Amino acid sequence: MAFQATSSRILDEQSMLVRHEQWMAHHGRVYKDEKEKQQRFQIFKDNVALVEAHNGGPDVGYTLEVNQFADLTNEEFRASHHGYKKQPLPREVSDTSFRYANVSVVSSEVDWTQQGAVTSVKDQGRCGCCWAFSAVAALEGINQIKTGKLISLSEQELVDCDTTNHGCGGGTMEKAFEFIVNNNGLSSESAYPYTAQQGVCKRAIPAATISGFERVPMNDEKALLQAVTQQPVSIAIDARGSYFQLYNGGVFSGRCGTDLDHAITAVGYGTTMDGTDYWLMKNSWGESWGENGYIRIQRDAAEEGLCGIAKDASYPIRTSASSDAGSARSSAFDLAARLDRLGCKKEMVLDEKQMSLAAIREEERKRTMYTALSFMDKT
């Protein structure tokens, strides 16, 4: 019997080695030496055991998987993939009004991904700037709702240029919103692409603007529901623990506290067939994590929200006046670039206080006609 038990353990170890090799090949994981590989293998085995024990146990409404983070301890994972760091806010900011207080929640389900207000899931990589991804997702949402245009915006500009936050070292969405206001907007992702590391701040043309932000009343999921019916909302959450790290799908009801350390974005809510209310959250760990990059989290499960999701939620405000000014400024720069390509020599004054969007369009029309006439004369 002892021999059989030993043989079984050897076979299990060999099977796990093969499984680890297959996992490494699938995720493109390469270790610097055999020592690191053995260390990662032990962590991998522990995470596999956790996943199999959870999925093989009583049904709790969600499952885990051996995903791309399965060779990291939870401490390592949190250090590299979280990044929410609460900072004290000025009194005038913390006491902001809540504009959705009188909103009646009629719909039993809201999904901003289906309404065209959410860009594809992004991946922050090993940079603790979840705060930037959360803020940008909320900004992308309100920008689409107000303009009808879904533009993927730049997290990298926040990482590089927002000195009130700490780049890959962490930050908050409220500080990010403040930066965007003071910066007169945020550039597009295509103009300022993500690099997963902090770099030198570059001058960029804004693609979207906001006039400010508001915070959802603390520890009030009803208020959070009112806000999410109107727009995507930035959320701080306690994402500690391997259950969040290895989440696969279902409505998460798992083990977590209220010590906020990660940032995601609420993009909807709903109810499952068995009557479980949930929040739909967009994460920034790539599409292969969770439900294609999203997680559903149980709603109305605790006073502070499950995992503290009702403790610190905020959303950007975009008013028509702010939007028009930002659009005029951006359009002016775009027009200047187009005129430059057309070879126009006359300088154009890009003063958003003096040039309205209508004037810019009229100027573009006249110069386009002038260019066309010049071309006809030459031919």
Protein backbone atom coordinates (compact mmCIF):
# COMPACT_ATOMS: atom_id res chain seq x y z
CA MET A 1 0.00 0.00 0.00
CA ALA A 2 2.84 2.38 0.84
CA PHE A 3 4.43 1.63 -2.54
CA GLN A 4 1.14 2.36 -4.32
CA ALA A 5 0.73 5.68 -2.50
CA THR A 6 4.29 6.69 -3.41
CA SER A 7 3.75 5.72 -7.05
CA SER A 8 0.53 7.72 -7.13
CA ARG A 9 2.29 10.81 -5.79
CA ILE A 10 5.04 10.43 -8.40
CA LEU A 11 2.47 10.13 -11.18
CA ASP A 12 0.59 13.17 -9.84
CA GLU A 13 3.82 15.15 -9.76
CA GLN A 14 4.70 14.12 -13.30
CA SER A 15 1.21 14.96 -14.48
CA MET A 16 1.42 18.38 -12.85
CA LEU A 17 4.83 19.01 -14.45
CA VAL A 18 3.34 18.27 -17.86
CA ARG A 19 0.39 20.53 -17.06
CA HIS A 20 2.73 23.35 -16.05
CA GLU A 21 4.73 22.99 -19.26
CA GLN A 22 1.52 23.14 -21.28
CA TRP A 23 0.39 26.18 -19.31
CA MET A 24 3.75 27.90 -19.91
CA ALA A 25 3.53 27.25 -23.65
CA HIS A 26 -0.04 28.53 -23.83
CA HIS A 27 0.72 31.77 -21.99
CA GLY A 28 4.20 32.30 -23.41
CA ARG A 29 5.82 32.15 -20.00
CA VAL A 30 9.62 31.86 -19.90
CA TYR A 31 11.66 31.81 -16.68
CA LYS A 32 15.20 33.08 -16.29
CA ASP A 33 16.59 29.83 -14.84
CA GLU A 34 15.67 26.43 -13.43
CA LYS A 35 15.50 27.78 -9.89
CA GLU A 36 12.82 30.30 -10.79
CA LYS A 37 10.98 27.65 -12.76
CA GLN A 38 10.82 25.39 -9.71
CA GLN A 39 9.58 28.25 -7.55
CA ARG A 40 6.87 29.09 -10.05
CA PHE A 41 5.94 25.44 -10.36
CA GLN A 42 5.27 25.19 -6.63
CA ILE A 43 3.08 28.30 -6.75
CA PHE A 44 1.32 26.92 -9.80
CA LYS A 45 0.56 23.65 -7.98
CA ASP A 46 -0.90 25.54 -5.02
CA ASN A 47 -3.15 27.59 -7.27
CA VAL A 48 -4.29 24.52 -9.21
CA ALA A 49 -5.20 22.85 -5.91
CA LEU A 50 -7.21 25.93 -4.87
CA VAL A 51 -9.07 26.06 -8.19
CA GLU A 52 -9.93 22.36 -8.16
CA ALA A 53 -11.03 22.43 -4.51
CA HIS A 54 -13.29 25.43 -5.12
CA ASN A 55 -14.82 24.17 -8.36
CA GLY A 56 -15.29 20.68 -6.93
CA GLY A 57 -16.95 21.93 -3.76
CA PRO A 58 -20.46 23.27 -3.09
CA ASP A 59 -21.88 25.54 -5.78
CA VAL A 60 -21.37 29.15 -4.68
CA GLY A 61 -22.42 30.77 -7.94
CA TYR A 62 -19.00 31.37 -9.48
CA THR A 63 -15.99 29.35 -10.63
CA LEU A 64 -12.22 29.77 -10.70
CA GLU A 65 -9.73 28.82 -13.40
CA VAL A 66 -6.03 28.21 -13.88
CA ASN A 67 -5.58 31.46 -15.78
CA GLN A 68 -2.59 33.53 -16.89
CA PHE A 69 -1.88 34.55 -13.27
CA ALA A 70 -1.65 31.02 -11.89
CA ASP A 71 2.13 31.10 -11.27
CA LEU A 72 1.93 34.20 -9.04
CA THR A 73 1.29 34.32 -5.33
CA ASN A 74 -1.54 36.63 -4.40
CA GLU A 75 0.94 39.03 -2.81
CA GLU A 76 2.95 39.21 -6.05
CA PHE A 77 -0.17 39.63 -8.10
CA ARG A 78 -1.52 42.46 -5.97
CA ALA A 79 1.82 44.28 -6.10
CA SER A 80 1.89 44.25 -9.90
CA HIS A 81 -1.76 44.35 -10.99
CA HIS A 82 -3.58 46.45 -8.41
CA GLY A 83 -2.80 50.11 -7.73
CA TYR A 84 -5.67 51.96 -6.11
CA LYS A 85 -4.25 54.14 -3.34
CA LYS A 86 -6.71 56.32 -1.50
CA GLN A 87 -5.64 59.92 -0.95
CA PRO A 88 -7.42 62.57 1.14
CA LEU A 89 -9.51 64.93 -0.93
CA PRO A 90 -10.16 68.64 -0.32
CA ARG A 91 -13.40 69.38 1.54
CA GLU A 92 -14.98 71.04 -1.50
CA VAL A 93 -14.41 67.85 -3.50
CA SER A 94 -15.55 65.38 -0.87
CA ASP A 95 -18.78 67.36 -0.33
CA THR A 96 -19.84 67.47 -3.98
CA SER A 97 -23.52 67.10 -4.80
CA PHE A 98 -25.04 63.96 -6.29
CA ARG A 99 -26.93 64.89 -9.44
CA TYR A 100 -28.71 61.57 -9.77
CA ALA A 101 -30.37 61.61 -6.34
CA ASN A 102 -33.86 61.95 -7.84
CA VAL A 103 -33.39 59.49 -10.69
CA SER A 104 -36.01 56.75 -10.71
CA VAL A 105 -34.54 53.34 -11.47
CA VAL A 106 -37.05 51.77 -13.83
CA SER A 107 -35.03 49.21 -15.76
CA SER A 108 -34.16 45.92 -14.07
CA GLU A 109 -31.09 45.67 -16.28
CA VAL A 110 -28.58 48.13 -17.71
CA ASP A 111 -25.61 47.19 -19.89
CA TRP A 112 -23.57 50.06 -21.32
CA THR A 113 -21.52 47.58 -23.37
CA GLN A 114 -24.67 46.88 -25.40
CA GLN A 115 -25.37 50.59 -25.80
CA GLY A 116 -22.01 51.34 -27.40
CA ALA A 117 -20.52 53.29 -24.51
CA VAL A 118 -17.71 50.88 -23.57
CA THR A 119 -14.49 50.24 -25.47
CA SER A 120 -12.88 46.81 -25.67
CA VAL A 121 -11.24 45.41 -22.54
CA LYS A 122 -7.68 46.63 -22.05
CA ASP A 123 -4.70 45.18 -20.20
CA GLN A 124 -2.71 47.23 -17.70
CA GLY A 125 0.03 44.59 -17.57
CA ARG A 126 2.48 44.73 -14.67
CA CYS A 127 1.86 48.39 -13.97
CA GLY A 128 -0.17 49.40 -10.92
CA CYS A 129 -2.29 51.94 -12.78
CA CYS A 130 -5.74 50.39 -12.50
CA TRP A 131 -6.87 53.85 -11.37
CA ALA A 132 -6.07 55.24 -14.84
CA PHE A 133 -7.97 52.48 -16.64
CA SER A 134 -11.00 52.93 -14.39
CA ALA A 135 -11.06 56.71 -14.88
CA VAL A 136 -10.58 56.41 -18.64
CA ALA A 137 -13.36 53.84 -19.00
CA ALA A 138 -15.76 56.17 -17.19
CA LEU A 139 -14.63 59.10 -19.37
CA GLU A 140 -15.01 57.04 -22.56
CA GLY A 141 -18.53 56.22 -21.46
CA ILE A 142 -19.78 59.74 -20.73
CA ASN A 143 -18.05 61.03 -23.88
CA GLN A 144 -19.96 58.52 -26.02
CA ILE A 145 -23.23 59.23 -24.24
CA LYS A 146 -22.88 62.98 -24.85
CA THR A 147 -21.40 62.93 -28.35
CA GLY A 148 -22.43 59.61 -29.87
CA LYS A 149 -18.76 58.83 -30.57
CA LEU A 150 -16.91 56.00 -28.81
CA ILE A 151 -13.24 56.97 -28.67
CA SER A 152 -10.59 54.86 -26.95
CA LEU A 153 -8.73 57.32 -24.73
CA SER A 154 -5.19 57.35 -23.34
CA GLU A 155 -4.35 55.79 -20.00
CA GLN A 156 -0.70 56.44 -20.75
CA GLU A 157 -1.19 60.20 -20.69
CA LEU A 158 -2.47 59.87 -17.12
CA VAL A 159 0.41 57.59 -16.15
CA ASP A 160 3.02 59.95 -17.61
CA CYS A 161 1.56 63.36 -16.92
CA ASP A 162 -0.70 63.24 -13.84
CA THR A 163 1.77 64.14 -11.10
CA THR A 164 -0.91 64.13 -8.39
CA ASN A 165 -1.04 60.36 -8.86
CA HIS A 166 1.92 58.00 -8.96
CA GLY A 167 1.89 56.31 -12.35
CA CYS A 168 2.53 52.58 -12.01
CA GLY A 169 2.85 53.15 -8.27
CA GLY A 170 -0.85 53.74 -7.77
CA GLY A 171 -3.41 56.52 -7.59
CA THR A 172 -7.10 57.41 -7.52
CA MET A 173 -9.74 58.11 -10.11
CA GLU A 174 -10.78 61.42 -8.49
CA LYS A 175 -7.26 62.79 -8.89
CA ALA A 176 -7.27 61.55 -12.48
CA PHE A 177 -10.53 63.42 -13.17
CA GLU A 178 -9.02 66.57 -11.64
CA PHE A 179 -6.02 66.24 -13.93
CA ILE A 180 -8.24 65.83 -17.00
CA VAL A 181 -10.18 68.98 -16.11
CA ASN A 182 -7.01 71.01 -15.55
CA ASN A 183 -5.43 69.54 -18.69
CA ASN A 184 -8.42 70.61 -20.81
CA GLY A 185 -9.08 67.00 -21.75
CA LEU A 186 -7.39 63.71 -22.53
CA SER A 187 -5.90 62.48 -25.79
CA SER A 188 -6.88 59.39 -27.72
CA GLU A 189 -5.18 56.05 -27.20
CA SER A 190 -4.03 56.04 -30.82
CA ALA A 191 -2.28 59.40 -30.33
CA TYR A 192 -0.76 58.45 -26.97
CA PRO A 193 -0.54 54.61 -26.81
CA TYR A 194 -0.09 52.53 -23.68
CA THR A 195 3.37 51.18 -22.76
CA ALA A 196 2.75 49.67 -19.29
CA GLN A 197 5.49 51.81 -17.76
CA GLN A 198 5.82 55.41 -16.68
CA GLY A 199 7.55 57.66 -19.20
CA VAL A 200 8.14 61.30 -20.04
CA CYS A 201 5.00 63.41 -20.35
CA LYS A 202 4.28 64.42 -23.95
CA ARG A 203 2.14 67.19 -25.36
CA ALA A 204 -1.07 65.75 -26.79
CA ILE A 205 -4.23 67.04 -28.43
CA PRO A 206 -7.33 66.33 -26.31
CA ALA A 207 -9.92 64.01 -27.84
CA ALA A 208 -12.46 64.31 -24.99
CA THR A 209 -13.09 66.76 -22.18
CA ILE A 210 -14.96 66.94 -18.88
CA SER A 211 -15.97 69.82 -16.64
CA GLY A 212 -15.61 68.01 -13.32
CA PHE A 213 -16.65 64.94 -11.38
CA GLU A 214 -18.91 63.85 -8.54
CA ARG A 215 -18.76 61.12 -5.95
CA VAL A 216 -21.56 58.66 -5.30
CA PRO A 217 -22.79 58.84 -1.68
CA MET A 218 -20.69 56.43 0.38
CA ASN A 219 -22.02 52.98 1.31
CA ASP A 220 -25.20 53.46 -0.73
CA GLU A 221 -25.79 50.86 -3.43
CA LYS A 222 -29.13 52.45 -4.29
CA ALA A 223 -27.31 55.68 -5.15
CA LEU A 224 -24.73 53.69 -7.12
CA LEU A 225 -27.59 52.07 -9.04
CA GLN A 226 -29.01 55.51 -9.85
CA ALA A 227 -25.62 56.63 -11.18
CA VAL A 228 -25.00 53.52 -13.28
CA THR A 229 -28.38 53.92 -15.00
CA GLN A 230 -26.99 57.20 -16.36
CA GLN A 231 -23.35 56.41 -17.15
CA PRO A 232 -20.40 54.08 -16.40
CA VAL A 233 -18.96 54.74 -12.93
CA SER A 234 -15.43 54.35 -11.54
CA ILE A 235 -15.30 51.93 -8.61
CA ALA A 236 -12.71 51.15 -5.95
CA ILE A 237 -12.78 47.59 -4.65
CA ASP A 238 -11.06 45.18 -2.30
CA ALA A 239 -9.67 42.67 -4.81
CA ARG A 240 -7.35 40.89 -2.40
CA GLY A 241 -7.29 37.12 -2.35
CA SER A 242 -6.70 34.40 -4.88
CA TYR A 243 -10.43 34.04 -5.56
CA PHE A 244 -10.49 37.37 -7.38
CA GLN A 245 -7.14 36.72 -9.05
CA LEU A 246 -8.31 33.36 -10.45
CA TYR A 247 -11.97 34.29 -11.12
CA ASN A 248 -13.45 32.56 -14.14
CA GLY A 249 -17.15 33.33 -14.32
CA GLY A 250 -20.49 33.57 -12.54
CA VAL A 251 -21.63 36.05 -9.92
CA PHE A 252 -18.72 36.64 -7.56
CA SER A 253 -19.72 36.37 -3.91
CA GLY A 254 -16.30 35.38 -2.71
CA ARG A 255 -14.00 36.15 0.11
CA CYS A 256 -13.01 39.78 0.35
CA GLY A 257 -13.01 42.64 2.80
CA THR A 258 -13.43 46.37 2.37
CA ASP A 259 -9.77 47.46 2.29
CA LEU A 260 -9.84 49.06 -1.16
CA ASP A 261 -6.81 48.28 -3.31
CA HIS A 262 -7.99 47.99 -6.92
CA ALA A 263 -10.07 50.03 -9.39
CA ILE A 264 -12.60 48.83 -11.95
CA THR A 265 -15.58 50.36 -13.76
CA ALA A 266 -19.28 49.63 -13.24
CA VAL A 267 -20.83 49.37 -16.70
CA GLY A 268 -24.17 47.83 -15.82
CA TYR A 269 -26.25 45.64 -13.55
CA GLY A 270 -28.81 42.87 -13.79
CA THR A 271 -30.31 39.74 -12.27
CA THR A 272 -29.52 36.10 -13.05
CA MET A 273 -32.13 33.48 -13.90
CA ASP A 274 -32.05 32.25 -10.29
CA GLY A 275 -32.74 35.75 -8.95
CA THR A 276 -29.24 36.86 -7.93
CA ASP A 277 -28.71 40.59 -8.37
CA TYR A 278 -25.29 41.59 -9.70
CA TRP A 279 -23.09 44.44 -10.88
CA LEU A 280 -21.36 44.18 -14.27
CA MET A 281 -17.78 45.44 -13.91
CA LYS A 282 -15.12 46.08 -16.55
CA ASN A 283 -11.63 45.15 -15.39
CA SER A 284 -8.21 45.94 -16.91
CA TRP A 285 -6.49 42.55 -16.86
CA GLY A 286 -7.12 41.58 -20.49
CA GLU A 287 -9.94 39.67 -22.16
CA SER A 288 -8.67 36.24 -21.09
CA TRP A 289 -9.42 37.00 -17.41
CA GLY A 290 -12.91 36.36 -16.05
CA GLU A 291 -15.87 36.70 -18.36
CA ASN A 292 -13.99 38.10 -21.36
CA GLY A 293 -12.39 40.69 -19.11
CA TYR A 294 -15.50 41.42 -17.04
CA ILE A 295 -16.69 40.28 -13.63
CA ARG A 296 -20.19 40.08 -12.21
CA ILE A 297 -20.28 40.92 -8.50
CA GLN A 298 -23.17 40.23 -6.17
CA ARG A 299 -25.32 43.29 -5.54
CA ASP A 300 -26.89 44.34 -2.21
CA ALA A 301 -24.82 41.81 -0.28
CA ALA A 302 -23.37 44.13 2.39
CA GLU A 303 -23.76 47.66 3.75
CA GLU A 304 -20.57 48.85 2.05
CA GLY A 305 -21.22 46.73 -1.00
CA LEU A 306 -19.53 43.37 -1.51
CA CYS A 307 -15.75 43.93 -1.41
CA GLY A 308 -16.43 47.58 -0.53
CA ILE A 309 -17.68 48.58 -4.00
CA ALA A 310 -19.99 51.25 -2.55
CA LYS A 311 -17.30 52.94 -0.44
CA ASP A 312 -15.62 55.07 -3.10
CA ALA A 313 -17.39 55.45 -6.45
CA SER A 314 -17.16 58.49 -8.72
CA TYR A 315 -18.02 59.61 -12.23
CA PRO A 316 -16.93 62.40 -14.61
CA ILE A 317 -19.25 65.23 -15.63
CA ARG A 318 -19.39 66.51 -19.16
CA THR A 319 -21.47 69.67 -19.70
CA SER A 320 -22.29 71.10 -23.10
CA ALA A 321 -20.21 74.25 -22.53
CA SER A 322 -17.11 72.27 -21.59
CA SER A 323 -17.69 69.83 -24.41
CA ASP A 324 -18.05 72.53 -27.06
CA ALA A 325 -14.87 74.30 -25.92
CA GLY A 326 -12.90 71.06 -25.94
CA SER A 327 -14.31 69.99 -29.28
CA ALA A 328 -13.54 73.38 -30.82
CA ARG A 329 -9.95 73.24 -29.58
CA SER A 330 -9.46 69.71 -30.83
CA SER A 331 -11.11 70.49 -34.17
CA ALA A 332 -8.90 73.56 -34.55
CA PHE A 333 -5.76 71.47 -34.17
CA ASP A 334 -7.15 68.83 -36.54
CA LEU A 335 -7.98 71.51 -39.10
CA ALA A 336 -4.49 73.00 -38.82
CA ALA A 337 -2.97 69.60 -39.53
CA ARG A 338 -5.22 69.09 -42.56
CA LEU A 339 -4.47 72.57 -43.93
CA ASP A 340 -0.77 71.95 -43.45
CA ARG A 341 -1.03 68.76 -45.48
CA LEU A 342 -2.89 70.72 -48.19
CA GLY A 343 0.02 73.17 -48.36
CA CYS A 344 -1.79 76.28 -47.12
CA LYS A 345 0.72 78.93 -46.06
CA LYS A 346 -1.50 81.29 -44.10
CA GLU A 347 -1.18 80.91 -40.33
CA MET A 348 -4.23 79.91 -38.36
CA VAL A 349 -4.78 81.26 -34.87
CA LEU A 350 -5.84 78.41 -32.61
CA ASP A 351 -7.51 80.35 -29.85
CA GLU A 352 -10.47 78.48 -28.41
CA LYS A 353 -11.75 81.68 -26.77
CA GLN A 354 -11.98 83.49 -30.14
CA MET A 355 -12.79 80.72 -32.58
CA SER A 356 -16.06 78.80 -32.25
CA LEU A 357 -16.63 75.38 -33.74
CA ALA A 358 -18.94 76.91 -36.36
CA ALA A 359 -16.24 79.38 -37.36
CA ILE A 360 -13.70 76.59 -37.65
CA ARG A 361 -15.98 74.61 -39.93
CA GLU A 362 -16.66 77.69 -42.09
CA GLU A 363 -12.93 78.37 -42.33
CA GLU A 364 -12.32 74.78 -43.33
CA ARG A 365 -15.02 74.99 -46.01
CA LYS A 366 -13.58 78.17 -47.51
CA ARG A 367 -10.02 76.87 -47.55
CA THR A 368 -11.07 73.57 -49.05
CA MET A 369 -12.85 75.45 -51.84
CA TYR A 370 -9.80 77.67 -52.31
CA THR A 371 -7.53 74.65 -52.60
CA ALA A 372 -9.87 72.98 -55.09
CA LEU A 373 -10.10 76.13 -57.24
CA SER A 374 -6.32 76.53 -57.19
CA PHE A 375 -5.92 72.96 -58.36
CA MET A 376 -8.42 73.52 -61.21
CA ASP A 377 -6.58 76.67 -62.33
CA LYS A 378 -3.32 74.74 -62.56
CA THR A 379 -4.93 72.03 -64.68
